[in-house]
Every structure is written in C-alpha cells, then in structure tokens.
Amino acid sequence: MIERTFTVLNKMGLHARPAAAIVTALQKFESDVIIRKDDQEVDGKSIMGILTLTAEYGSKLTLIAEGADEQSVMDNMTQFFSDQVHEE
C-alpha cells in the first residue's frame, strides 16, 4: 500500500472534467485506489465519489493505492496533480 497527499492546484477545483480524467487514468490500473479529503473517503475510480469530495482550490487529497501496480498509480497521479495547474 502506498499513500501520498496532493494539493488541488486547479483554480476551479476538482470539478467534473478533472474528476473524469482521474477516473479514466485510474481505470487503467489493477490496484484499488481510495481518495480521502478530511474524514471522507471515496473510490478513486468513481466520478460521483470524487465529485462528492467538493475539493476546491488548495484542498489536500490523500490517495491510497493498493495492488500489484500501486507504484505506477502513484507515478501517474503525481504527474496528473503537477500538470493540473495548467488546466483552464
């Protein structure tokens, strides 16, 4: 299991488009992924779950990946969260 915390840098927060991008990216992996904001946890492969987090700019999200390709999940999500600042 790998756990890492990311900051939402998109000025519009984690709205439908980036949430869909996360789900699409994570569905390529075998590992289970949980996303936590404060005391709420959701399935990282569920767009509805991610949207219920209402993660606005500056929110801290903890991703927990567990499975055979968990390191690849974290590498992918590290890239995603570093690139998100460029989304309009």
PDB file of N, CA and C in Angstrom:
ATOM      1  N   MET A   1       0.849  -1.183   0.000  1.00  0.00           N
ATOM      2  CA  MET A   1       0.000   0.000   0.000  1.00  0.00           C
ATOM      3  C   MET A   1       0.891   1.242   0.000  1.00  0.00           C
ATOM      4  N   ILE A   2       0.515   2.202  -0.842  1.00  0.00           N
ATOM      5  CA  ILE A   2       1.216   3.485  -0.921  1.00  0.00           C
ATOM      6  C   ILE A   2       0.206   4.584  -0.663  1.00  0.00           C
ATOM      7  N   GLU A   3       0.619   5.561   0.126  1.00  0.00           N
ATOM      8  CA  GLU A   3      -0.247   6.696   0.449  1.00  0.00           C
ATOM      9  C   GLU A   3       0.526   7.977   0.178  1.00  0.00           C
ATOM     10  N   ARG A   4      -0.128   8.922  -0.502  1.00  0.00           N
ATOM     11  CA  ARG A   4       0.525  10.193  -0.809  1.00  0.00           C
ATOM     12  C   ARG A   4      -0.532  11.296  -0.802  1.00  0.00           C
ATOM     13  N   THR A   5      -0.149  12.467  -0.331  1.00  0.00           N
ATOM     14  CA  THR A   5      -1.073  13.598  -0.283  1.00  0.00           C
ATOM     15  C   THR A   5      -0.736  14.590  -1.390  1.00  0.00           C
ATOM     16  N   PHE A   6      -1.794  15.065  -2.050  1.00  0.00           N
ATOM     17  CA  PHE A   6      -1.663  16.016  -3.146  1.00  0.00           C
ATOM     18  C   PHE A   6      -2.509  17.245  -2.828  1.00  0.00           C
ATOM     19  N   THR A   7      -2.135  18.373  -3.416  1.00  0.00           N
ATOM     20  CA  THR A   7      -2.886  19.606  -3.273  1.00  0.00           C
ATOM     21  C   THR A   7      -3.585  19.911  -4.589  1.00  0.00           C
ATOM     22  N   VAL A   8      -4.850  20.292  -4.517  1.00  0.00           N
ATOM     23  CA  VAL A   8      -5.602  20.684  -5.711  1.00  0.00           C
ATOM     24  C   VAL A   8      -5.125  22.081  -6.106  1.00  0.00           C
ATOM     25  N   LEU A   9      -4.472  22.169  -7.260  1.00  0.00           N
ATOM     26  CA  LEU A   9      -3.903  23.434  -7.730  1.00  0.00           C
ATOM     27  C   LEU A   9      -4.741  24.092  -8.816  1.00  0.00           C
ATOM     28  N   ASN A  10      -5.731  23.377  -9.323  1.00  0.00           N
ATOM     29  CA  ASN A  10      -6.622  23.924 -10.340  1.00  0.00           C
ATOM     30  C   ASN A  10      -7.473  25.018  -9.693  1.00  0.00           C
ATOM     31  N   LYS A  11      -7.441  26.213 -10.241  1.00  0.00           N
ATOM     32  CA  LYS A  11      -8.180  27.354  -9.665  1.00  0.00           C
ATOM     33  C   LYS A  11      -9.683  27.083  -9.551  1.00  0.00           C
ATOM     34  N   MET A  12     -10.207  26.190 -10.410  1.00  0.00           N
ATOM     35  CA  MET A  12     -11.628  25.867 -10.385  1.00  0.00           C
ATOM     36  C   MET A  12     -11.913  24.648  -9.509  1.00  0.00           C
ATOM     37  N   GLY A  13     -10.901  24.111  -8.869  1.00  0.00           N
ATOM     38  CA  GLY A  13     -11.093  22.940  -8.011  1.00  0.00           C
ATOM     39  C   GLY A  13     -11.183  21.662  -8.824  1.00  0.00           C
ATOM     40  N   LEU A  14     -11.574  20.616  -8.147  1.00  0.00           N
ATOM     41  CA  LEU A  14     -11.674  19.301  -8.780  1.00  0.00           C
ATOM     42  C   LEU A  14     -13.105  19.125  -9.295  1.00  0.00           C
ATOM     43  N   HIS A  15     -13.408  19.814 -10.398  1.00  0.00           N
ATOM     44  CA  HIS A  15     -14.743  19.776 -10.992  1.00  0.00           C
ATOM     45  C   HIS A  15     -14.861  18.565 -11.912  1.00  0.00           C
ATOM     46  N   ALA A  16     -15.914  18.491 -12.692  1.00  0.00           N
ATOM     47  CA  ALA A  16     -16.230  17.290 -13.474  1.00  0.00           C
ATOM     48  C   ALA A  16     -15.129  16.873 -14.447  1.00  0.00           C
ATOM     49  N   ARG A  17     -14.531  17.812 -15.150  1.00  0.00           N
ATOM     50  CA  ARG A  17     -13.527  17.438 -16.155  1.00  0.00           C
ATOM     51  C   ARG A  17     -12.285  16.792 -15.521  1.00  0.00           C
ATOM     52  N   PRO A  18     -11.655  17.403 -14.517  1.00  0.00           N
ATOM     53  CA  PRO A  18     -10.501  16.729 -13.917  1.00  0.00           C
ATOM     54  C   PRO A  18     -10.893  15.453 -13.161  1.00  0.00           C
ATOM     55  N   ALA A  19     -12.083  15.433 -12.583  1.00  0.00           N
ATOM     56  CA  ALA A  19     -12.538  14.206 -11.905  1.00  0.00           C
ATOM     57  C   ALA A  19     -12.660  13.069 -12.909  1.00  0.00           C
ATOM     58  N   ALA A  20     -13.210  13.365 -14.081  1.00  0.00           N
ATOM     59  CA  ALA A  20     -13.326  12.348 -15.135  1.00  0.00           C
ATOM     60  C   ALA A  20     -11.943  11.904 -15.606  1.00  0.00           C
ATOM     61  N   ALA A  21     -11.001  12.844 -15.681  1.00  0.00           N
ATOM     62  CA  ALA A  21      -9.639  12.497 -16.101  1.00  0.00           C
ATOM     63  C   ALA A  21      -8.978  11.566 -15.085  1.00  0.00           C
ATOM     64  N   ILE A  22      -9.224  11.803 -13.806  1.00  0.00           N
ATOM     65  CA  ILE A  22      -8.673  10.926 -12.767  1.00  0.00           C
ATOM     66  C   ILE A  22      -9.254   9.525 -12.917  1.00  0.00           C
ATOM     67  N   VAL A  23     -10.563   9.430 -13.047  1.00  0.00           N
ATOM     68  CA  VAL A  23     -11.225   8.129 -13.182  1.00  0.00           C
ATOM     69  C   VAL A  23     -10.712   7.392 -14.410  1.00  0.00           C
ATOM     70  N   THR A  24     -10.623   8.088 -15.527  1.00  0.00           N
ATOM     71  CA  THR A  24     -10.134   7.466 -16.759  1.00  0.00           C
ATOM     72  C   THR A  24      -8.711   6.944 -16.570  1.00  0.00           C
ATOM     73  N   ALA A  25      -7.869   7.734 -15.946  1.00  0.00           N
ATOM     74  CA  ALA A  25      -6.478   7.316 -15.710  1.00  0.00           C
ATOM     75  C   ALA A  25      -6.416   6.115 -14.774  1.00  0.00           C
ATOM     76  N   LEU A  26      -7.201   6.149 -13.707  1.00  0.00           N
ATOM     77  CA  LEU A  26      -7.131   5.080 -12.710  1.00  0.00           C
ATOM     78  C   LEU A  26      -7.737   3.769 -13.190  1.00  0.00           C
ATOM     79  N   GLN A  27      -8.677   3.834 -14.109  1.00  0.00           N
ATOM     80  CA  GLN A  27      -9.292   2.609 -14.601  1.00  0.00           C
ATOM     81  C   GLN A  27      -8.320   1.734 -15.383  1.00  0.00           C
ATOM     82  N   LYS A  28      -7.198   2.286 -15.776  1.00  0.00           N
ATOM     83  CA  LYS A  28      -6.172   1.528 -16.497  1.00  0.00           C
ATOM     84  C   LYS A  28      -5.369   0.623 -15.553  1.00  0.00           C
ATOM     85  N   PHE A  29      -5.522   0.847 -14.260  1.00  0.00           N
ATOM     86  CA  PHE A  29      -4.723   0.129 -13.273  1.00  0.00           C
ATOM     87  C   PHE A  29      -5.543  -0.920 -12.533  1.00  0.00           C
ATOM     88  N   GLU A  30      -4.854  -1.952 -12.118  1.00  0.00           N
ATOM     89  CA  GLU A  30      -5.472  -3.037 -11.361  1.00  0.00           C
ATOM     90  C   GLU A  30      -5.693  -2.660  -9.892  1.00  0.00           C
ATOM     91  N   SER A  31      -4.810  -1.844  -9.355  1.00  0.00           N
ATOM     92  CA  SER A  31      -4.850  -1.501  -7.930  1.00  0.00           C
ATOM     93  C   SER A  31      -6.155  -0.819  -7.530  1.00  0.00           C
ATOM     94  N   ASP A  32      -6.533  -1.026  -6.290  1.00  0.00           N
ATOM     95  CA  ASP A  32      -7.646  -0.289  -5.695  1.00  0.00           C
ATOM     96  C   ASP A  32      -7.107   1.066  -5.262  1.00  0.00           C
ATOM     97  N   VAL A  33      -7.908   2.110  -5.461  1.00  0.00           N
ATOM     98  CA  VAL A  33      -7.475   3.454  -5.092  1.00  0.00           C
ATOM     99  C   VAL A  33      -8.582   4.126  -4.289  1.00  0.00           C
ATOM    100  N   ILE A  34      -8.200   4.633  -3.141  1.00  0.00           N
ATOM    101  CA  ILE A  34      -9.100   5.401  -2.290  1.00  0.00           C
ATOM    102  C   ILE A  34      -8.597   6.841  -2.284  1.00  0.00           C
ATOM    103  N   ILE A  35      -9.527   7.794  -2.370  1.00  0.00           N
ATOM    104  CA  ILE A  35      -9.173   9.204  -2.250  1.00  0.00           C
ATOM    105  C   ILE A  35      -9.843   9.731  -0.986  1.00  0.00           C
ATOM    106  N   ARG A  36      -9.032  10.365  -0.148  1.00  0.00           N
ATOM    107  CA  ARG A  36      -9.529  10.887   1.136  1.00  0.00           C
ATOM    108  C   ARG A  36      -9.367  12.406   1.174  1.00  0.00           C
ATOM    109  N   LYS A  37     -10.440  13.073   1.611  1.00  0.00           N
ATOM    110  CA  LYS A  37     -10.391  14.510   1.907  1.00  0.00           C
ATOM    111  C   LYS A  37     -10.995  14.674   3.293  1.00  0.00           C
ATOM    112  N   ASP A  38     -10.191  15.189   4.188  1.00  0.00           N
ATOM    113  CA  ASP A  38     -10.603  15.306   5.584  1.00  0.00           C
ATOM    114  C   ASP A  38     -10.991  13.921   6.104  1.00  0.00           C
ATOM    115  N   ASP A  39     -12.236  13.726   6.507  1.00  0.00           N
ATOM    116  CA  ASP A  39     -12.641  12.414   7.046  1.00  0.00           C
ATOM    117  C   ASP A  39     -13.522  11.629   6.071  1.00  0.00           C
ATOM    118  N   GLN A  40     -13.574  12.075   4.820  1.00  0.00           N
ATOM    119  CA  GLN A  40     -14.393  11.402   3.806  1.00  0.00           C
ATOM    120  C   GLN A  40     -13.496  10.620   2.850  1.00  0.00           C
ATOM    121  N   GLU A  41     -13.845   9.353   2.600  1.00  0.00           N
ATOM    122  CA  GLU A  41     -13.105   8.506   1.667  1.00  0.00           C
ATOM    123  C   GLU A  41     -14.033   8.037   0.559  1.00  0.00           C
ATOM    124  N   VAL A  42     -13.507   8.042  -0.683  1.00  0.00           N
ATOM    125  CA  VAL A  42     -14.288   7.585  -1.834  1.00  0.00           C
ATOM    126  C   VAL A  42     -13.417   6.699  -2.717  1.00  0.00           C
ATOM    127  N   ASP A  43     -14.071   5.930  -3.554  1.00  0.00           N
ATOM    128  CA  ASP A  43     -13.395   5.104  -4.543  1.00  0.00           C
ATOM    129  C   ASP A  43     -12.833   6.026  -5.628  1.00  0.00           C
ATOM    130  N   GLY A  44     -11.525   5.938  -5.878  1.00  0.00           N
ATOM    131  CA  GLY A  44     -10.884   6.784  -6.871  1.00  0.00           C
ATOM    132  C   GLY A  44     -11.308   6.494  -8.294  1.00  0.00           C
ATOM    133  N   LYS A  45     -12.010   5.384  -8.504  1.00  0.00           N
ATOM    134  CA  LYS A  45     -12.466   5.021  -9.840  1.00  0.00           C
ATOM    135  C   LYS A  45     -13.942   5.363 -10.047  1.00  0.00           C
ATOM    136  N   SER A  46     -14.488   6.187  -9.150  1.00  0.00           N
ATOM    137  CA  SER A  46     -15.893   6.594  -9.214  1.00  0.00           C
ATOM    138  C   SER A  46     -15.983   8.114  -9.360  1.00  0.00           C
ATOM    139  N   ILE A  47     -16.474   8.566 -10.499  1.00  0.00           N
ATOM    140  CA  ILE A  47     -16.575  10.012 -10.716  1.00  0.00           C
ATOM    141  C   ILE A  47     -17.535  10.646  -9.711  1.00  0.00           C
ATOM    142  N   MET A  48     -18.635   9.973  -9.427  1.00  0.00           N
ATOM    143  CA  MET A  48     -19.589  10.525  -8.455  1.00  0.00           C
ATOM    144  C   MET A  48     -18.951  10.633  -7.066  1.00  0.00           C
ATOM    145  N   GLY A  49     -18.186   9.621  -6.714  1.00  0.00           N
ATOM    146  CA  GLY A  49     -17.487   9.661  -5.436  1.00  0.00           C
ATOM    147  C   GLY A  49     -16.542  10.843  -5.355  1.00  0.00           C
ATOM    148  N   ILE A  50     -15.745  11.037  -6.400  1.00  0.00           N
ATOM    149  CA  ILE A  50     -14.779  12.137  -6.411  1.00  0.00           C
ATOM    150  C   ILE A  50     -15.487  13.482  -6.333  1.00  0.00           C
ATOM    151  N   LEU A  51     -16.574  13.629  -7.070  1.00  0.00           N
ATOM    152  CA  LEU A  51     -17.300  14.901  -7.053  1.00  0.00           C
ATOM    153  C   LEU A  51     -17.893  15.203  -5.680  1.00  0.00           C
ATOM    154  N   THR A  52     -18.253  14.175  -4.915  1.00  0.00           N
ATOM    155  CA  THR A  52     -18.821  14.418  -3.581  1.00  0.00           C
ATOM    156  C   THR A  52     -17.791  14.975  -2.602  1.00  0.00           C
ATOM    157  N   LEU A  53     -16.512  14.895  -2.962  1.00  0.00           N
ATOM    158  CA  LEU A  53     -15.479  15.449  -2.083  1.00  0.00           C
ATOM    159  C   LEU A  53     -15.479  16.977  -2.077  1.00  0.00           C
ATOM    160  N   THR A  54     -16.084  17.578  -3.088  1.00  0.00           N
ATOM    161  CA  THR A  54     -16.094  19.040  -3.265  1.00  0.00           C
ATOM    162  C   THR A  54     -14.718  19.634  -2.937  1.00  0.00           C
ATOM    163  N   ALA A  55     -13.732  19.180  -3.676  1.00  0.00           N
ATOM    164  CA  ALA A  55     -12.347  19.602  -3.450  1.00  0.00           C
ATOM    165  C   ALA A  55     -12.057  20.877  -4.236  1.00  0.00           C
ATOM    166  N   GLU A  56     -12.069  21.989  -3.532  1.00  0.00           N
ATOM    167  CA  GLU A  56     -11.785  23.250  -4.182  1.00  0.00           C
ATOM    168  C   GLU A  56     -10.281  23.533  -4.171  1.00  0.00           C
ATOM    169  N   TYR A  57      -9.906  24.632  -4.814  1.00  0.00           N
ATOM    170  CA  TYR A  57      -8.501  25.027  -4.899  1.00  0.00           C
ATOM    171  C   TYR A  57      -7.869  25.022  -3.497  1.00  0.00           C
ATOM    172  N   GLY A  58      -6.715  24.398  -3.399  1.00  0.00           N
ATOM    173  CA  GLY A  58      -5.984  24.347  -2.137  1.00  0.00           C
ATOM    174  C   GLY A  58      -6.321  23.157  -1.253  1.00  0.00           C
ATOM    175  N   SER A  59      -7.340  22.402  -1.619  1.00  0.00           N
ATOM    176  CA  SER A  59      -7.710  21.212  -0.832  1.00  0.00           C
ATOM    177  C   SER A  59      -6.580  20.197  -0.846  1.00  0.00           C
ATOM    178  N   LYS A  60      -6.455  19.473   0.248  1.00  0.00           N
ATOM    179  CA  LYS A  60      -5.490  18.382   0.358  1.00  0.00           C
ATOM    180  C   LYS A  60      -6.231  17.070   0.169  1.00  0.00           C
ATOM    181  N   LEU A  61      -5.757  16.266  -0.783  1.00  0.00           N
ATOM    182  CA  LEU A  61      -6.332  14.956  -1.052  1.00  0.00           C
ATOM    183  C   LEU A  61      -5.267  13.899  -0.807  1.00  0.00           C
ATOM    184  N   THR A  62      -5.622  12.868  -0.076  1.00  0.00           N
ATOM    185  CA  THR A  62      -4.715  11.752   0.141  1.00  0.00           C
ATOM    186  C   THR A  62      -5.173  10.593  -0.724  1.00  0.00           C
ATOM    187  N   LEU A  63      -4.267  10.092  -1.547  1.00  0.00           N
ATOM    188  CA  LEU A  63      -4.556   8.918  -2.381  1.00  0.00           C
ATOM    189  C   LEU A  63      -3.883   7.717  -1.760  1.00  0.00           C
ATOM    190  N   ILE A  64      -4.635   6.642  -1.681  1.00  0.00           N
ATOM    191  CA  ILE A  64      -4.134   5.379  -1.142  1.00  0.00           C
ATOM    192  C   ILE A  64      -4.320   4.336  -2.228  1.00  0.00           C
ATOM    193  N   ALA A  65      -3.217   3.773  -2.688  1.00  0.00           N
ATOM    194  CA  ALA A  65      -3.259   2.754  -3.740  1.00  0.00           C
ATOM    195  C   ALA A  65      -2.755   1.445  -3.159  1.00  0.00           C
ATOM    196  N   GLU A  66      -3.474   0.368  -3.485  1.00  0.00           N
ATOM    197  CA  GLU A  66      -3.071  -0.947  -3.008  1.00  0.00           C
ATOM    198  C   GLU A  66      -3.286  -1.958  -4.125  1.00  0.00           C
ATOM    199  N   GLY A  67      -2.207  -2.614  -4.497  1.00  0.00           N
ATOM    200  CA  GLY A  67      -2.296  -3.627  -5.538  1.00  0.00           C
ATOM    201  C   GLY A  67      -0.977  -3.792  -6.261  1.00  0.00           C
ATOM    202  N   ALA A  68      -1.012  -4.637  -7.272  1.00  0.00           N
ATOM    203  CA  ALA A  68       0.202  -5.015  -7.998  1.00  0.00           C
ATOM    204  C   ALA A  68       0.883  -3.825  -8.682  1.00  0.00           C
ATOM    205  N   ASP A  69       0.115  -2.847  -9.137  1.00  0.00           N
ATOM    206  CA  ASP A  69       0.690  -1.713  -9.862  1.00  0.00           C
ATOM    207  C   ASP A  69       0.544  -0.399  -9.091  1.00  0.00           C
ATOM    208  N   GLU A  70       0.544  -0.481  -7.771  1.00  0.00           N
ATOM    209  CA  GLU A  70       0.325   0.703  -6.941  1.00  0.00           C
ATOM    210  C   GLU A  70       1.360   1.800  -7.182  1.00  0.00           C
ATOM    211  N   GLN A  71       2.615   1.429  -7.439  1.00  0.00           N
ATOM    212  CA  GLN A  71       3.640   2.449  -7.704  1.00  0.00           C
ATOM    213  C   GLN A  71       3.342   3.184  -9.008  1.00  0.00           C
ATOM    214  N   SER A  72       2.880   2.473 -10.006  1.00  0.00           N
ATOM    215  CA  SER A  72       2.507   3.106 -11.275  1.00  0.00           C
ATOM    216  C   SER A  72       1.326   4.050 -11.092  1.00  0.00           C
ATOM    217  N   VAL A  73       0.392   3.668 -10.244  1.00  0.00           N
ATOM    218  CA  VAL A  73      -0.748   4.546  -9.925  1.00  0.00           C
ATOM    219  C   VAL A  73      -0.229   5.859  -9.357  1.00  0.00           C
ATOM    220  N   MET A  74       0.657   5.770  -8.372  1.00  0.00           N
ATOM    221  CA  MET A  74       1.158   6.987  -7.734  1.00  0.00           C
ATOM    222  C   MET A  74       2.002   7.828  -8.684  1.00  0.00           C
ATOM    223  N   ASP A  75       2.784   7.178  -9.520  1.00  0.00           N
ATOM    224  CA  ASP A  75       3.563   7.932 -10.511  1.00  0.00           C
ATOM    225  C   ASP A  75       2.624   8.693 -11.437  1.00  0.00           C
ATOM    226  N   ASN A  76       1.554   8.035 -11.894  1.00  0.00           N
ATOM    227  CA  ASN A  76       0.584   8.654 -12.784  1.00  0.00           C
ATOM    228  C   ASN A  76      -0.128   9.818 -12.098  1.00  0.00           C
ATOM    229  N   MET A  77      -0.544   9.625 -10.865  1.00  0.00           N
ATOM    230  CA  MET A  77      -1.267  10.671 -10.144  1.00  0.00           C
ATOM    231  C   MET A  77      -0.350  11.827  -9.752  1.00  0.00           C
ATOM    232  N   THR A  78       0.915  11.545  -9.491  1.00  0.00           N
ATOM    233  CA  THR A  78       1.878  12.617  -9.218  1.00  0.00           C
ATOM    234  C   THR A  78       1.986  13.517 -10.443  1.00  0.00           C
ATOM    235  N   GLN A  79       2.071  12.914 -11.618  1.00  0.00           N
ATOM    236  CA  GLN A  79       2.123  13.688 -12.864  1.00  0.00           C
ATOM    237  C   GLN A  79       0.828  14.462 -13.073  1.00  0.00           C
ATOM    238  N   PHE A  80      -0.306  13.808 -12.836  1.00  0.00           N
ATOM    239  CA  PHE A  80      -1.603  14.461 -13.008  1.00  0.00           C
ATOM    240  C   PHE A  80      -1.702  15.702 -12.128  1.00  0.00           C
ATOM    241  N   PHE A  81      -1.395  15.563 -10.855  1.00  0.00           N
ATOM    242  CA  PHE A  81      -1.557  16.695  -9.943  1.00  0.00           C
ATOM    243  C   PHE A  81      -0.520  17.786 -10.186  1.00  0.00           C
ATOM    244  N   SER A  82       0.640  17.465 -10.738  1.00  0.00           N
ATOM    245  CA  SER A  82       1.600  18.507 -11.070  1.00  0.00           C
ATOM    246  C   SER A  82       1.194  19.240 -12.349  1.00  0.00           C
ATOM    247  N   ASP A  83       0.501  18.554 -13.262  1.00  0.00           N
ATOM    248  CA  ASP A  83       0.045  19.153 -14.513  1.00  0.00           C
ATOM    249  C   ASP A  83      -1.252  19.948 -14.373  1.00  0.00           C
ATOM    250  N   GLN A  84      -2.037  19.683 -13.343  1.00  0.00           N
ATOM    251  CA  GLN A  84      -3.369  20.267 -13.245  1.00  0.00           C
ATOM    252  C   GLN A  84      -3.377  21.787 -13.152  1.00  0.00           C
ATOM    253  N   VAL A  85      -2.303  22.363 -12.720  1.00  0.00           N
ATOM    254  CA  VAL A  85      -2.254  23.823 -12.584  1.00  0.00           C
ATOM    255  C   VAL A  85      -2.418  24.504 -13.944  1.00  0.00           C
ATOM    256  N   HIS A  86      -2.160  23.771 -15.022  1.00  0.00           N
ATOM    257  CA  HIS A  86      -2.250  24.350 -16.362  1.00  0.00           C
ATOM    258  C   HIS A  86      -3.659  24.257 -16.953  1.00  0.00           C
ATOM    259  N   GLU A  87      -4.570  23.553 -16.293  1.00  0.00           N
ATOM    260  CA  GLU A  87      -5.918  23.435 -16.842  1.00  0.00           C
ATOM    261  C   GLU A  87      -6.677  24.734 -16.673  1.00  0.00           C
ATOM    262  N   GLU A  88      -7.405  25.078 -17.679  1.00  0.00           N
ATOM    263  CA  GLU A  88      -8.236  26.291 -17.644  1.00  0.00           C
ATOM    264  C   GLU A  88      -9.621  25.947 -17.159  1.00  0.00           C
TER     265      GLU A  88
END
